[in-house]
Protein backbone atom coordinates (compact mmCIF):
# COMPACT_ATOMS: atom_id res chain seq x y z
CA MET A 1 13.00 23.42 -103.95
CA LEU A 2 11.26 23.57 -107.32
CA GLU A 3 11.76 21.52 -110.49
CA LEU A 4 9.95 21.93 -113.81
CA HIS A 5 9.08 19.28 -116.37
CA GLU A 6 7.12 19.76 -119.60
CA PHE A 7 4.68 17.21 -121.00
CA GLU A 8 2.71 18.27 -124.06
CA GLN A 9 1.00 21.55 -123.07
CA VAL A 10 1.32 20.85 -119.33
CA THR A 11 4.02 22.07 -116.95
CA GLN A 12 4.68 19.82 -113.99
CA ILE A 13 5.93 21.78 -110.98
CA ARG A 14 7.65 19.47 -108.50
CA LEU A 15 7.93 21.00 -105.05
CA SER A 16 9.71 19.95 -101.88
CA ARG A 17 11.03 21.42 -98.68
CA GLU A 18 14.81 21.42 -98.82
CA LEU A 19 16.95 20.18 -95.96
CA ASP A 20 20.75 19.91 -96.22
CA ASN A 21 20.42 20.60 -99.97
CA LYS A 22 18.15 17.58 -100.39
CA ALA A 23 14.45 17.29 -101.19
CA LEU A 24 12.49 15.80 -98.28
CA TYR A 25 9.51 14.64 -100.35
CA TRP A 26 8.37 15.72 -103.81
CA VAL A 27 4.78 16.79 -104.47
CA ALA A 28 3.62 17.88 -107.91
CA ALA A 29 1.42 20.78 -108.93
CA TYR A 30 0.44 21.30 -112.56
CA LEU A 31 0.05 24.39 -114.74
CA VAL A 32 -1.90 24.30 -117.98
CA ASP A 33 -3.26 27.28 -119.91
CA GLY A 34 -3.45 29.56 -116.87
CA LEU A 35 -4.97 26.88 -114.62
CA LEU A 36 -2.96 25.82 -111.57
CA ILE A 37 -3.84 22.45 -110.07
CA ASP A 38 -2.76 22.30 -106.40
CA THR A 39 -0.40 24.68 -104.62
CA GLY A 40 2.10 22.51 -102.76
CA CYS A 41 3.03 22.96 -99.12
CA LEU A 42 3.68 25.97 -96.91
CA TYR A 43 7.46 25.61 -97.14
CA THR A 44 7.47 25.96 -100.95
CA SER A 45 4.80 28.66 -101.15
CA LYS A 46 7.12 31.64 -101.71
CA GLU A 47 9.15 29.84 -104.35
CA LEU A 48 6.02 28.72 -106.18
CA THR A 49 4.50 32.20 -106.07
CA SER A 50 7.71 33.68 -107.46
CA TYR A 51 7.73 31.20 -110.33
CA LEU A 52 4.08 31.95 -111.13
CA SER A 53 4.63 35.72 -111.26
CA THR A 54 5.09 35.65 -115.05
CA LYS A 55 2.59 32.89 -115.83
CA ASN A 56 -0.76 34.77 -115.96
CA ILE A 57 -2.53 32.50 -113.48
CA ARG A 58 -6.31 32.82 -113.82
CA LYS A 59 -7.76 29.91 -111.82
CA VAL A 60 -6.56 27.56 -109.10
CA ILE A 61 -7.90 24.16 -108.08
CA ASN A 62 -7.24 22.18 -104.90
CA THR A 63 -7.76 18.50 -105.66
CA HIS A 64 -8.24 17.95 -101.92
CA PHE A 65 -7.57 19.52 -98.55
CA HIS A 66 -4.31 17.89 -97.45
CA GLU A 67 -1.52 20.20 -96.34
CA ASP A 68 0.80 19.35 -99.24
CA HIS A 69 -1.82 20.48 -101.76
CA ILE A 70 -3.09 23.75 -100.27
CA GLY A 71 -0.01 25.27 -98.62
CA GLY A 72 0.46 27.94 -101.29
CA ASN A 73 -3.17 29.08 -101.31
CA LYS A 74 -2.75 32.13 -99.10
CA ASP A 75 0.25 33.59 -100.91
CA ILE A 76 -1.21 32.91 -104.35
CA MET A 77 -4.54 34.54 -103.49
CA ALA A 78 -2.76 37.58 -102.04
CA GLU A 79 -0.32 37.94 -104.93
CA PHE A 80 -2.59 37.30 -107.90
CA GLY A 81 -6.14 37.89 -106.64
CA VAL A 82 -7.37 34.66 -108.20
CA GLU A 83 -10.20 32.44 -107.03
CA ILE A 84 -9.36 29.01 -105.67
CA TYR A 85 -11.86 26.18 -106.03
CA ALA A 86 -12.34 22.89 -104.19
CA TYR A 87 -15.02 20.25 -103.73
CA PRO A 88 -17.54 21.33 -101.05
CA ASP A 89 -16.51 18.56 -98.63
CA SER A 90 -12.95 19.92 -98.67
CA ILE A 91 -13.83 23.56 -98.05
CA PRO A 92 -14.25 23.43 -94.22
CA PHE A 93 -10.89 21.67 -93.90
CA ILE A 94 -9.13 24.23 -96.11
CA ALA A 95 -10.66 27.02 -94.02
CA GLY A 96 -9.51 25.45 -90.74
CA ARG A 97 -6.28 24.36 -89.10
CA PRO A 98 -5.43 20.69 -89.57
CA VAL A 99 -4.21 18.25 -86.97
CA LEU A 100 -0.85 17.03 -88.24
CA TYR A 101 1.48 14.24 -87.28
CA PRO A 102 5.01 15.40 -86.37
CA TYR A 103 6.44 14.19 -89.69
CA GLN A 104 3.81 16.21 -91.61
CA GLU A 105 4.76 19.36 -89.73
CA ILE A 106 8.42 18.78 -90.59
CA VAL A 107 7.92 17.88 -94.26
CA TRP A 108 5.01 20.15 -95.25
CA GLY A 109 4.04 22.46 -92.40
CA TYR A 110 0.71 23.92 -91.32
CA PRO A 111 -1.08 25.63 -94.22
CA GLU A 112 -2.64 29.03 -93.62
CA PRO A 113 -6.46 28.74 -93.54
CA THR A 114 -8.05 30.10 -96.71
CA ASP A 115 -11.57 30.63 -97.99
CA VAL A 116 -12.10 28.87 -101.29
CA LYS A 117 -15.15 28.51 -103.52
CA PRO A 118 -17.15 25.40 -104.47
CA ILE A 119 -15.80 23.95 -107.66
CA PRO A 120 -18.15 23.89 -110.67
CA ASP A 121 -18.77 20.75 -112.71
CA ILE A 122 -16.69 22.10 -115.59
CA ILE A 123 -13.53 24.21 -115.44
CA THR A 124 -12.76 26.07 -118.66
CA THR A 125 -9.63 27.84 -119.83
CA ASP A 126 -9.01 29.58 -123.16
CA LYS A 127 -8.04 26.30 -124.82
CA TYR A 128 -9.38 23.48 -122.69
CA SER A 129 -12.40 22.18 -120.82
CA PHE A 130 -11.88 20.07 -117.70
CA ARG A 131 -14.58 17.85 -116.27
CA VAL A 132 -14.52 17.74 -112.48
CA ILE A 133 -14.90 14.19 -111.15
CA GLU A 134 -15.58 13.43 -107.50
CA THR A 135 -13.04 10.76 -106.58
CA PRO A 136 -13.14 9.82 -102.87
CA GLY A 137 -10.95 7.09 -101.44
CA HIS A 138 -7.75 8.85 -100.49
CA CYS A 139 -9.95 11.25 -98.53
CA VAL A 140 -13.38 12.84 -98.69
CA GLY A 141 -13.73 15.86 -100.93
CA HIS A 142 -11.16 14.64 -103.46
CA VAL A 143 -11.56 15.50 -107.15
CA ALA A 144 -9.81 14.66 -110.39
CA LEU A 145 -9.86 16.87 -113.48
CA MET A 146 -10.28 15.24 -116.89
CA GLU A 147 -9.68 16.91 -120.24
CA LEU A 148 -11.35 14.24 -122.35
CA SER A 149 -10.33 15.54 -125.78
CA LYS A 150 -6.66 15.39 -124.77
CA GLY A 151 -6.88 12.20 -122.72
CA TRP A 152 -5.54 13.97 -119.63
CA CYS A 153 -6.48 13.21 -116.04
CA PHE A 154 -5.08 15.27 -113.18
CA SER A 155 -5.64 12.58 -110.60
CA GLY A 156 -4.42 14.09 -107.32
CA ASP A 157 -3.65 11.31 -104.86
CA ILE A 158 -6.09 8.74 -106.25
CA PHE A 159 -3.22 6.88 -107.88
CA ALA A 160 0.35 6.69 -106.61
CA ARG A 161 1.43 3.15 -107.54
CA GLU A 162 -0.10 -0.08 -108.80
CA ASP A 163 0.81 -2.19 -105.76
CA ILE A 164 -0.35 -0.24 -102.70
CA LYS A 165 1.15 -1.63 -99.50
CA CYS A 166 0.12 0.89 -96.83
CA ILE A 167 -2.49 3.62 -96.36
CA ARG A 168 -3.71 6.19 -93.85
CA PRO A 169 -6.47 5.11 -91.42
CA GLU A 170 -9.13 7.28 -93.09
CA GLU A 171 -8.50 5.97 -96.60
CA ASN A 172 -11.22 3.77 -98.06
CA ILE A 173 -10.27 1.09 -100.56
CA SER A 174 -13.85 0.50 -101.75
CA ASP A 175 -14.17 4.18 -102.60
CA LEU A 176 -10.71 4.21 -104.18
CA ILE A 177 -11.61 1.32 -106.49
CA SER A 178 -14.89 3.02 -107.41
CA SER A 179 -13.07 6.27 -108.17
CA MET A 180 -10.54 4.55 -110.42
CA ARG A 181 -13.35 2.73 -112.21
CA ARG A 182 -15.17 6.04 -112.67
CA ILE A 183 -12.12 7.56 -114.34
CA LEU A 184 -11.76 4.52 -116.61
CA SER A 185 -15.43 4.65 -117.59
CA LEU A 186 -15.15 8.29 -118.66
CA ALA A 187 -11.80 8.10 -120.43
CA GLY A 188 -11.32 7.29 -124.07
CA ASP A 189 -8.59 5.05 -125.45
CA ARG A 190 -5.94 7.52 -124.26
CA LEU A 191 -5.56 8.22 -120.56
CA VAL A 192 -2.53 10.07 -119.18
CA LEU A 193 -2.41 10.37 -115.39
CA PHE A 194 -0.79 13.47 -113.94
CA THR A 195 -0.25 12.32 -110.36
CA SER A 196 0.51 14.34 -107.26
CA VAL A 197 3.46 12.13 -106.38
CA GLY A 198 5.27 13.45 -109.44
CA LYS A 199 4.76 10.59 -111.89
CA ILE A 200 3.19 11.22 -115.28
CA VAL A 201 1.73 7.85 -116.28
CA GLU A 202 1.24 7.69 -120.03
CA ASP A 203 -0.65 4.38 -120.03
CA GLY A 204 -3.13 5.36 -117.35
CA ARG A 205 -5.71 2.80 -118.43
CA LYS A 206 -3.29 -0.04 -117.79
CA ALA A 207 -2.04 1.44 -114.51
CA LEU A 208 -5.52 1.89 -113.03
CA SER A 209 -6.68 -1.52 -114.25
CA VAL A 210 -3.65 -3.24 -112.74
CA CYS A 211 -4.16 -1.40 -109.45
CA ILE A 212 -7.84 -2.33 -109.29
CA ASP A 213 -7.08 -6.00 -109.99
CA TYR A 214 -4.31 -5.96 -107.38
CA LEU A 215 -6.60 -4.53 -104.70
CA ILE A 216 -9.46 -6.90 -105.50
CA GLY A 217 -7.06 -9.84 -105.38
CA LYS A 218 -5.68 -8.73 -102.02
CA ALA A 219 -9.21 -8.18 -100.69
CA ASP A 220 -10.25 -11.69 -101.69
CA ARG A 221 -7.16 -13.12 -100.03
CA VAL A 222 -7.54 -11.34 -96.69
CA LYS A 223 -11.26 -12.10 -96.52
CA LYS A 224 -10.45 -15.79 -96.87
CA MET A 225 -7.86 -15.40 -94.11
CA ALA A 226 -10.47 -13.77 -91.91
CA ARG A 227 -12.80 -16.71 -92.47
CA ASP A 228 -9.91 -18.94 -91.38
CA ASN A 229 -9.70 -16.89 -88.15
CA HIS A 230 -6.38 -15.16 -88.85
CA SER A 231 -5.85 -11.88 -87.01
CA VAL A 232 -5.04 -8.62 -88.78
CA ASP A 233 -1.47 -8.79 -87.47
CA GLU A 234 -1.10 -12.28 -88.89
CA MET A 235 -2.47 -11.09 -92.23
CA VAL A 236 0.07 -8.25 -92.35
CA ASN A 237 2.88 -10.79 -91.94
CA MET A 238 1.42 -13.30 -94.38
CA VAL A 239 0.47 -10.84 -97.13
CA PHE A 240 3.20 -8.21 -96.86
CA GLY A 241 5.95 -9.92 -94.87
CA GLY A 242 5.54 -7.53 -91.96
CA GLU A 243 4.63 -3.93 -91.31
CA HIS A 244 5.69 -1.29 -93.83
CA SER A 245 8.65 0.99 -93.06
CA PHE A 246 6.33 4.00 -93.38
CA TYR A 247 4.71 2.94 -90.10
CA GLN A 248 7.75 4.10 -88.15
CA LEU A 249 8.54 7.07 -90.41
CA THR A 250 5.01 8.49 -90.09
CA GLY A 251 4.42 7.76 -86.43
CA GLY A 252 1.87 5.09 -87.28
CA GLN A 253 -0.26 7.08 -89.72
CA TYR A 254 0.62 4.96 -92.75
CA SER A 255 0.49 1.23 -92.17
CA SER A 256 -0.16 -2.10 -93.84
CA LYS A 257 -2.54 -2.84 -90.99
CA ASN A 258 -4.72 0.07 -92.14
CA LEU A 259 -4.73 -1.40 -95.63
CA ILE A 260 -5.73 -4.86 -94.40
CA ARG A 261 -8.61 -3.42 -92.39
CA SER A 262 -9.88 -1.43 -95.37
CA LEU A 263 -9.54 -4.43 -97.69
CA LEU A 264 -11.66 -6.47 -95.26
CA ASP A 265 -14.38 -3.82 -95.53
CA THR A 266 -14.51 -3.80 -99.34
CA LYS A 267 -17.86 -4.55 -100.91
């Protein structure tokens, strides 16, 4: 399933596997001036490649190595002969076969391994220049692309919502906060976030600032609870009212417990 939305000179391409005529989970890729940012999942690869056949694709970026961002790599490389770029820490994962939870296999599938090139510090198109920013936190090897003159930031999975309530076990809240602060420090007055969850956030400065304050506040609270000898399970109940529904849906990969543990480790 594919949906298109236009914002200024950017085309948002929302992609999802379809089941019973319904989208399972939307993920967004972006097309701007011949540059494709992320390639969706395996199940939407053919549909994406068909859409791109008239778009004169010249470069492709993977913001990170997760299966819902690289699943179209193989078909796009074969069809258009373009280079795909990723941060060096992501390259071995993109070239290998991931270990997926059952829900990931159902929703996104196993991406075909592909060989991609190290991303340069600057990505240029005919009209734009994108600064590549290392932004760990969601995972290692994550990058955001900033077009400073336009106030655009293609933020991958660094920002999904202001009030995070559950994360994967490998996510790092300290790194996430640092990455959001890095984006804020580089941006001008205007900051539009083009997120991978399909939201285009026009007041990106406010959204990132609110998220940072929220996470710092939660970290302060759980650290005080730890000093008062509360267990992580108790903190989950006291802070979030119990475990998040994603815990069951994802077979335990996403959980509020993971978030509490990472908040306790913040610097």
